[in-house]
Amino acid sequence: MDPQTHKRYLDYRGRFEYFGRQKTILSAVEFASFDAEARALEAKEKTRDDEDEARLAELRAILLLD
């Protein structure tokens, strides 16, 4: 895991302690996978379709970013 992804994972764990207690915490491997997918969708910006928007919203909820 690269340092930037690791920092985002640590931030996620901090948010989880406050917001995510009813959910199961993601492992570092799971987080890295979801994070990479979310970042790829975010990078698409104006070319995202409705399906991409829905998936991004789902990923943001999983990663506690919304």
PDB file of N, CA and C in Angstrom:
ATOM      1  N   MET A   1       0.858  -1.166   0.000  1.00  0.00           N
ATOM      2  CA  MET A   1       0.000   0.000   0.000  1.00  0.00           C
ATOM      3  C   MET A   1       0.901   1.224   0.000  1.00  0.00           C
ATOM      4  N   ASP A   2       0.625   2.134  -0.932  1.00  0.00           N
ATOM      5  CA  ASP A   2       1.444   3.339  -0.997  1.00  0.00           C
ATOM      6  C   ASP A   2       1.101   4.274   0.164  1.00  0.00           C
ATOM      7  N   PRO A   3       1.983   5.206   0.490  1.00  0.00           N
ATOM      8  CA  PRO A   3       1.777   6.076   1.655  1.00  0.00           C
ATOM      9  C   PRO A   3       0.490   6.900   1.599  1.00  0.00           C
ATOM     10  N   GLN A   4       0.101   7.359   0.427  1.00  0.00           N
ATOM     11  CA  GLN A   4      -1.121   8.168   0.321  1.00  0.00           C
ATOM     12  C   GLN A   4      -2.363   7.320   0.603  1.00  0.00           C
ATOM     13  N   THR A   5      -2.398   6.107   0.074  1.00  0.00           N
ATOM     14  CA  THR A   5      -3.521   5.209   0.340  1.00  0.00           C
ATOM     15  C   THR A   5      -3.534   4.829   1.819  1.00  0.00           C
ATOM     16  N   HIS A   6      -2.369   4.610   2.383  1.00  0.00           N
ATOM     17  CA  HIS A   6      -2.291   4.283   3.809  1.00  0.00           C
ATOM     18  C   HIS A   6      -2.843   5.424   4.659  1.00  0.00           C
ATOM     19  N   LYS A   7      -2.513   6.654   4.315  1.00  0.00           N
ATOM     20  CA  LYS A   7      -3.042   7.808   5.051  1.00  0.00           C
ATOM     21  C   LYS A   7      -4.568   7.863   4.941  1.00  0.00           C
ATOM     22  N   ARG A   8      -5.098   7.625   3.719  1.00  0.00           N
ATOM     23  CA  ARG A   8      -6.552   7.613   3.543  1.00  0.00           C
ATOM     24  C   ARG A   8      -7.183   6.482   4.361  1.00  0.00           C
ATOM     25  N   TYR A   9      -6.487   5.339   4.457  1.00  0.00           N
ATOM     26  CA  TYR A   9      -6.995   4.223   5.266  1.00  0.00           C
ATOM     27  C   TYR A   9      -7.038   4.608   6.745  1.00  0.00           C
ATOM     28  N   LEU A  10      -6.003   5.255   7.223  1.00  0.00           N
ATOM     29  CA  LEU A  10      -5.994   5.694   8.622  1.00  0.00           C
ATOM     30  C   LEU A  10      -7.103   6.714   8.877  1.00  0.00           C
ATOM     31  N   ASP A  11      -7.332   7.612   7.918  1.00  0.00           N
ATOM     32  CA  ASP A  11      -8.431   8.570   8.034  1.00  0.00           C
ATOM     33  C   ASP A  11      -9.775   7.837   8.082  1.00  0.00           C
ATOM     34  N   TYR A  12      -9.923   6.814   7.229  1.00  0.00           N
ATOM     35  CA  TYR A  12     -11.141   6.000   7.211  1.00  0.00           C
ATOM     36  C   TYR A  12     -11.353   5.350   8.580  1.00  0.00           C
ATOM     37  N   ARG A  13     -10.300   4.789   9.150  1.00  0.00           N
ATOM     38  CA  ARG A  13     -10.428   4.136  10.458  1.00  0.00           C
ATOM     39  C   ARG A  13     -10.869   5.131  11.522  1.00  0.00           C
ATOM     40  N   GLY A  14     -10.365   6.365  11.434  1.00  0.00           N
ATOM     41  CA  GLY A  14     -10.801   7.400  12.371  1.00  0.00           C
ATOM     42  C   GLY A  14     -12.270   7.737  12.200  1.00  0.00           C
ATOM     43  N   ARG A  15     -12.714   7.850  10.958  1.00  0.00           N
ATOM     44  CA  ARG A  15     -14.135   8.118  10.693  1.00  0.00           C
ATOM     45  C   ARG A  15     -14.986   6.941  11.143  1.00  0.00           C
ATOM     46  N   PHE A  16     -14.469   5.722  10.957  1.00  0.00           N
ATOM     47  CA  PHE A  16     -15.209   4.528  11.353  1.00  0.00           C
ATOM     48  C   PHE A  16     -15.489   4.538  12.848  1.00  0.00           C
ATOM     49  N   GLU A  17     -14.516   4.937  13.637  1.00  0.00           N
ATOM     50  CA  GLU A  17     -14.696   4.975  15.089  1.00  0.00           C
ATOM     51  C   GLU A  17     -15.869   5.871  15.475  1.00  0.00           C
ATOM     52  N   TYR A  18     -16.105   6.913  14.694  1.00  0.00           N
ATOM     53  CA  TYR A  18     -17.170   7.859  15.021  1.00  0.00           C
ATOM     54  C   TYR A  18     -18.476   7.517  14.314  1.00  0.00           C
ATOM     55  N   PHE A  19     -18.410   7.194  13.004  1.00  0.00           N
ATOM     56  CA  PHE A  19     -19.614   7.044  12.192  1.00  0.00           C
ATOM     57  C   PHE A  19     -19.993   5.607  11.860  1.00  0.00           C
ATOM     58  N   GLY A  20     -19.067   4.684  11.865  1.00  0.00           N
ATOM     59  CA  GLY A  20     -19.319   3.389  11.270  1.00  0.00           C
ATOM     60  C   GLY A  20     -19.548   2.237  12.209  1.00  0.00           C
ATOM     61  N   ARG A  21     -19.851   2.496  13.414  1.00  0.00           N
ATOM     62  CA  ARG A  21     -19.916   1.410  14.396  1.00  0.00           C
ATOM     63  C   ARG A  21     -20.961   0.344  14.089  1.00  0.00           C
ATOM     64  N   GLN A  22     -21.982   0.645  13.300  1.00  0.00           N
ATOM     65  CA  GLN A  22     -22.974  -0.376  12.961  1.00  0.00           C
ATOM     66  C   GLN A  22     -22.531  -1.209  11.752  1.00  0.00           C
ATOM     67  N   LYS A  23     -21.417  -0.870  11.147  1.00  0.00           N
ATOM     68  CA  LYS A  23     -20.912  -1.574   9.981  1.00  0.00           C
ATOM     69  C   LYS A  23     -19.687  -2.397  10.385  1.00  0.00           C
ATOM     70  N   THR A  24     -19.251  -3.235   9.458  1.00  0.00           N
ATOM     71  CA  THR A  24     -18.015  -3.980   9.653  1.00  0.00           C
ATOM     72  C   THR A  24     -16.874  -3.167   9.056  1.00  0.00           C
ATOM     73  N   ILE A  25     -15.810  -3.002   9.806  1.00  0.00           N
ATOM     74  CA  ILE A  25     -14.677  -2.220   9.319  1.00  0.00           C
ATOM     75  C   ILE A  25     -13.989  -2.963   8.171  1.00  0.00           C
ATOM     76  N   LEU A  26     -13.545  -2.206   7.185  1.00  0.00           N
ATOM     77  CA  LEU A  26     -12.845  -2.783   6.041  1.00  0.00           C
ATOM     78  C   LEU A  26     -11.404  -3.110   6.417  1.00  0.00           C
ATOM     79  N   SER A  27     -10.909  -4.194   5.866  1.00  0.00           N
ATOM     80  CA  SER A  27      -9.484  -4.496   6.020  1.00  0.00           C
ATOM     81  C   SER A  27      -8.702  -3.540   5.131  1.00  0.00           C
ATOM     82  N   ALA A  28      -7.416  -3.483   5.302  1.00  0.00           N
ATOM     83  CA  ALA A  28      -6.582  -2.613   4.471  1.00  0.00           C
ATOM     84  C   ALA A  28      -6.689  -3.007   3.001  1.00  0.00           C
ATOM     85  N   VAL A  29      -6.751  -4.301   2.711  1.00  0.00           N
ATOM     86  CA  VAL A  29      -6.854  -4.774   1.331  1.00  0.00           C
ATOM     87  C   VAL A  29      -8.195  -4.386   0.723  1.00  0.00           C
ATOM     88  N   GLU A  30      -9.275  -4.576   1.480  1.00  0.00           N
ATOM     89  CA  GLU A  30     -10.607  -4.183   0.995  1.00  0.00           C
ATOM     90  C   GLU A  30     -10.667  -2.681   0.769  1.00  0.00           C
ATOM     91  N   PHE A  31     -10.145  -1.929   1.727  1.00  0.00           N
ATOM     92  CA  PHE A  31     -10.143  -0.473   1.589  1.00  0.00           C
ATOM     93  C   PHE A  31      -9.397  -0.051   0.332  1.00  0.00           C
ATOM     94  N   ALA A  32      -8.219  -0.600   0.113  1.00  0.00           N
ATOM     95  CA  ALA A  32      -7.412  -0.216  -1.056  1.00  0.00           C
ATOM     96  C   ALA A  32      -8.162  -0.486  -2.349  1.00  0.00           C
ATOM     97  N   SER A  33      -8.883  -1.589  -2.424  1.00  0.00           N
ATOM     98  CA  SER A  33      -9.645  -1.928  -3.623  1.00  0.00           C
ATOM     99  C   SER A  33     -10.778  -0.929  -3.852  1.00  0.00           C
ATOM    100  N   PHE A  34     -11.580  -0.687  -2.821  1.00  0.00           N
ATOM    101  CA  PHE A  34     -12.690   0.271  -2.942  1.00  0.00           C
ATOM    102  C   PHE A  34     -12.173   1.681  -3.198  1.00  0.00           C
ATOM    103  N   ASP A  35     -11.103   2.058  -2.540  1.00  0.00           N
ATOM    104  CA  ASP A  35     -10.523   3.385  -2.707  1.00  0.00           C
ATOM    105  C   ASP A  35     -10.035   3.589  -4.143  1.00  0.00           C
ATOM    106  N   ALA A  36      -9.375   2.596  -4.707  1.00  0.00           N
ATOM    107  CA  ALA A  36      -8.880   2.707  -6.081  1.00  0.00           C
ATOM    108  C   ALA A  36     -10.044   2.846  -7.058  1.00  0.00           C
ATOM    109  N   GLU A  37     -11.098   2.073  -6.846  1.00  0.00           N
ATOM    110  CA  GLU A  37     -12.263   2.164  -7.727  1.00  0.00           C
ATOM    111  C   GLU A  37     -12.924   3.535  -7.612  1.00  0.00           C
ATOM    112  N   ALA A  38     -13.061   4.046  -6.393  1.00  0.00           N
ATOM    113  CA  ALA A  38     -13.672   5.361  -6.187  1.00  0.00           C
ATOM    114  C   ALA A  38     -12.834   6.461  -6.825  1.00  0.00           C
ATOM    115  N   ARG A  39     -11.531   6.386  -6.668  1.00  0.00           N
ATOM    116  CA  ARG A  39     -10.651   7.415  -7.250  1.00  0.00           C
ATOM    117  C   ARG A  39     -10.704   7.372  -8.776  1.00  0.00           C
ATOM    118  N   ALA A  40     -10.817   6.176  -9.355  1.00  0.00           N
ATOM    119  CA  ALA A  40     -10.931   6.067 -10.806  1.00  0.00           C
ATOM    120  C   ALA A  40     -12.238   6.687 -11.291  1.00  0.00           C
ATOM    121  N   LEU A  41     -13.320   6.448 -10.564  1.00  0.00           N
ATOM    122  CA  LEU A  41     -14.600   7.045 -10.948  1.00  0.00           C
ATOM    123  C   LEU A  41     -14.593   8.557 -10.758  1.00  0.00           C
ATOM    124  N   GLU A  42     -13.965   9.031  -9.697  1.00  0.00           N
ATOM    125  CA  GLU A  42     -13.867  10.473  -9.477  1.00  0.00           C
ATOM    126  C   GLU A  42     -13.069  11.140 -10.586  1.00  0.00           C
ATOM    127  N   ALA A  43     -12.065  10.455 -11.090  1.00  0.00           N
ATOM    128  CA  ALA A  43     -11.218  11.016 -12.146  1.00  0.00           C
ATOM    129  C   ALA A  43     -11.975  11.172 -13.464  1.00  0.00           C
ATOM    130  N   LYS A  44     -13.039  10.400 -13.646  1.00  0.00           N
ATOM    131  CA  LYS A  44     -13.820  10.482 -14.881  1.00  0.00           C
ATOM    132  C   LYS A  44     -14.598  11.798 -14.987  1.00  0.00           C
ATOM    133  N   GLU A  45     -14.857  12.424 -13.864  1.00  0.00           N
ATOM    134  CA  GLU A  45     -15.596  13.670 -13.738  1.00  0.00           C
ATOM    135  C   GLU A  45     -16.771  13.775 -14.707  1.00  0.00           C
ATOM    136  N   LYS A  46     -16.619  14.518 -15.780  1.00  0.00           N
ATOM    137  CA  LYS A  46     -17.742  14.831 -16.674  1.00  0.00           C
ATOM    138  C   LYS A  46     -18.162  13.676 -17.564  1.00  0.00           C
ATOM    139  N   THR A  47     -17.383  12.623 -17.629  1.00  0.00           N
ATOM    140  CA  THR A  47     -17.740  11.497 -18.492  1.00  0.00           C
ATOM    141  C   THR A  47     -18.451  10.379 -17.739  1.00  0.00           C
ATOM    142  N   ARG A  48     -18.735  10.579 -16.439  1.00  0.00           N
ATOM    143  CA  ARG A  48     -19.455   9.558 -15.672  1.00  0.00           C
ATOM    144  C   ARG A  48     -20.905   9.494 -16.133  1.00  0.00           C
ATOM    145  N   ASP A  49     -21.410   8.273 -16.283  1.00  0.00           N
ATOM    146  CA  ASP A  49     -22.822   8.101 -16.601  1.00  0.00           C
ATOM    147  C   ASP A  49     -23.584   7.841 -15.302  1.00  0.00           C
ATOM    148  N   ASP A  50     -24.874   7.588 -15.411  1.00  0.00           N
ATOM    149  CA  ASP A  50     -25.696   7.386 -14.218  1.00  0.00           C
ATOM    150  C   ASP A  50     -25.252   6.174 -13.405  1.00  0.00           C
ATOM    151  N   GLU A  51     -24.840   5.125 -14.095  1.00  0.00           N
ATOM    152  CA  GLU A  51     -24.366   3.925 -13.404  1.00  0.00           C
ATOM    153  C   GLU A  51     -23.093   4.223 -12.620  1.00  0.00           C
ATOM    154  N   ASP A  52     -22.184   4.983 -13.231  1.00  0.00           N
ATOM    155  CA  ASP A  52     -20.951   5.376 -12.546  1.00  0.00           C
ATOM    156  C   ASP A  52     -21.265   6.244 -11.334  1.00  0.00           C
ATOM    157  N   GLU A  53     -22.203   7.164 -11.484  1.00  0.00           N
ATOM    158  CA  GLU A  53     -22.586   8.047 -10.373  1.00  0.00           C
ATOM    159  C   GLU A  53     -23.154   7.237  -9.211  1.00  0.00           C
ATOM    160  N   ALA A  54     -23.985   6.254  -9.533  1.00  0.00           N
ATOM    161  CA  ALA A  54     -24.573   5.412  -8.488  1.00  0.00           C
ATOM    162  C   ALA A  54     -23.490   4.601  -7.773  1.00  0.00           C
ATOM    163  N   ARG A  55     -22.575   4.043  -8.541  1.00  0.00           N
ATOM    164  CA  ARG A  55     -21.489   3.256  -7.936  1.00  0.00           C
ATOM    165  C   ARG A  55     -20.593   4.140  -7.081  1.00  0.00           C
ATOM    166  N   LEU A  56     -20.299   5.348  -7.553  1.00  0.00           N
ATOM    167  CA  LEU A  56     -19.468   6.264  -6.780  1.00  0.00           C
ATOM    168  C   LEU A  56     -20.151   6.627  -5.461  1.00  0.00           C
ATOM    169  N   ALA A  57     -21.449   6.860  -5.510  1.00  0.00           N
ATOM    170  CA  ALA A  57     -22.188   7.166  -4.278  1.00  0.00           C
ATOM    171  C   ALA A  57     -22.129   5.985  -3.315  1.00  0.00           C
ATOM    172  N   GLU A  58     -22.253   4.771  -3.854  1.00  0.00           N
ATOM    173  CA  GLU A  58     -22.164   3.571  -3.023  1.00  0.00           C
ATOM    174  C   GLU A  58     -20.783   3.438  -2.397  1.00  0.00           C
ATOM    175  N   LEU A  59     -19.747   3.673  -3.191  1.00  0.00           N
ATOM    176  CA  LEU A  59     -18.381   3.585  -2.670  1.00  0.00           C
ATOM    177  C   LEU A  59     -18.108   4.652  -1.626  1.00  0.00           C
ATOM    178  N   ARG A  60     -18.593   5.859  -1.857  1.00  0.00           N
ATOM    179  CA  ARG A  60     -18.402   6.938  -0.881  1.00  0.00           C
ATOM    180  C   ARG A  60     -19.065   6.583   0.446  1.00  0.00           C
ATOM    181  N   ALA A  61     -20.219   5.906   0.397  1.00  0.00           N
ATOM    182  CA  ALA A  61     -20.892   5.477   1.623  1.00  0.00           C
ATOM    183  C   ALA A  61     -20.072   4.383   2.319  1.00  0.00           C
ATOM    184  N   ILE A  62     -19.555   3.443   1.562  1.00  0.00           N
ATOM    185  CA  ILE A  62     -18.740   2.358   2.131  1.00  0.00           C
ATOM    186  C   ILE A  62     -17.478   2.929   2.791  1.00  0.00           C
ATOM    187  N   LEU A  63     -16.882   3.918   2.137  1.00  0.00           N
ATOM    188  CA  LEU A  63     -15.637   4.520   2.632  1.00  0.00           C
ATOM    189  C   LEU A  63     -15.884   5.630   3.651  1.00  0.00           C
ATOM    190  N   LEU A  64     -17.162   5.840   3.998  1.00  0.00           N
ATOM    191  CA  LEU A  64     -17.568   6.866   4.963  1.00  0.00           C
ATOM    192  C   LEU A  64     -17.133   8.262   4.536  1.00  0.00           C
ATOM    193  N   LEU A  65     -17.285   8.553   3.257  1.00  0.00           N
ATOM    194  CA  LEU A  65     -16.887   9.850   2.735  1.00  0.00           C
ATOM    195  C   LEU A  65     -18.068  10.789   2.485  1.00  0.00           C
ATOM    196  N   ASP A  66     -19.273  10.327   2.707  1.00  0.00           N
ATOM    197  CA  ASP A  66     -20.418  11.203   2.466  1.00  0.00           C
ATOM    198  C   ASP A  66     -21.016  11.716   3.735  1.00  0.00           C
TER     199      ASP A  66
END
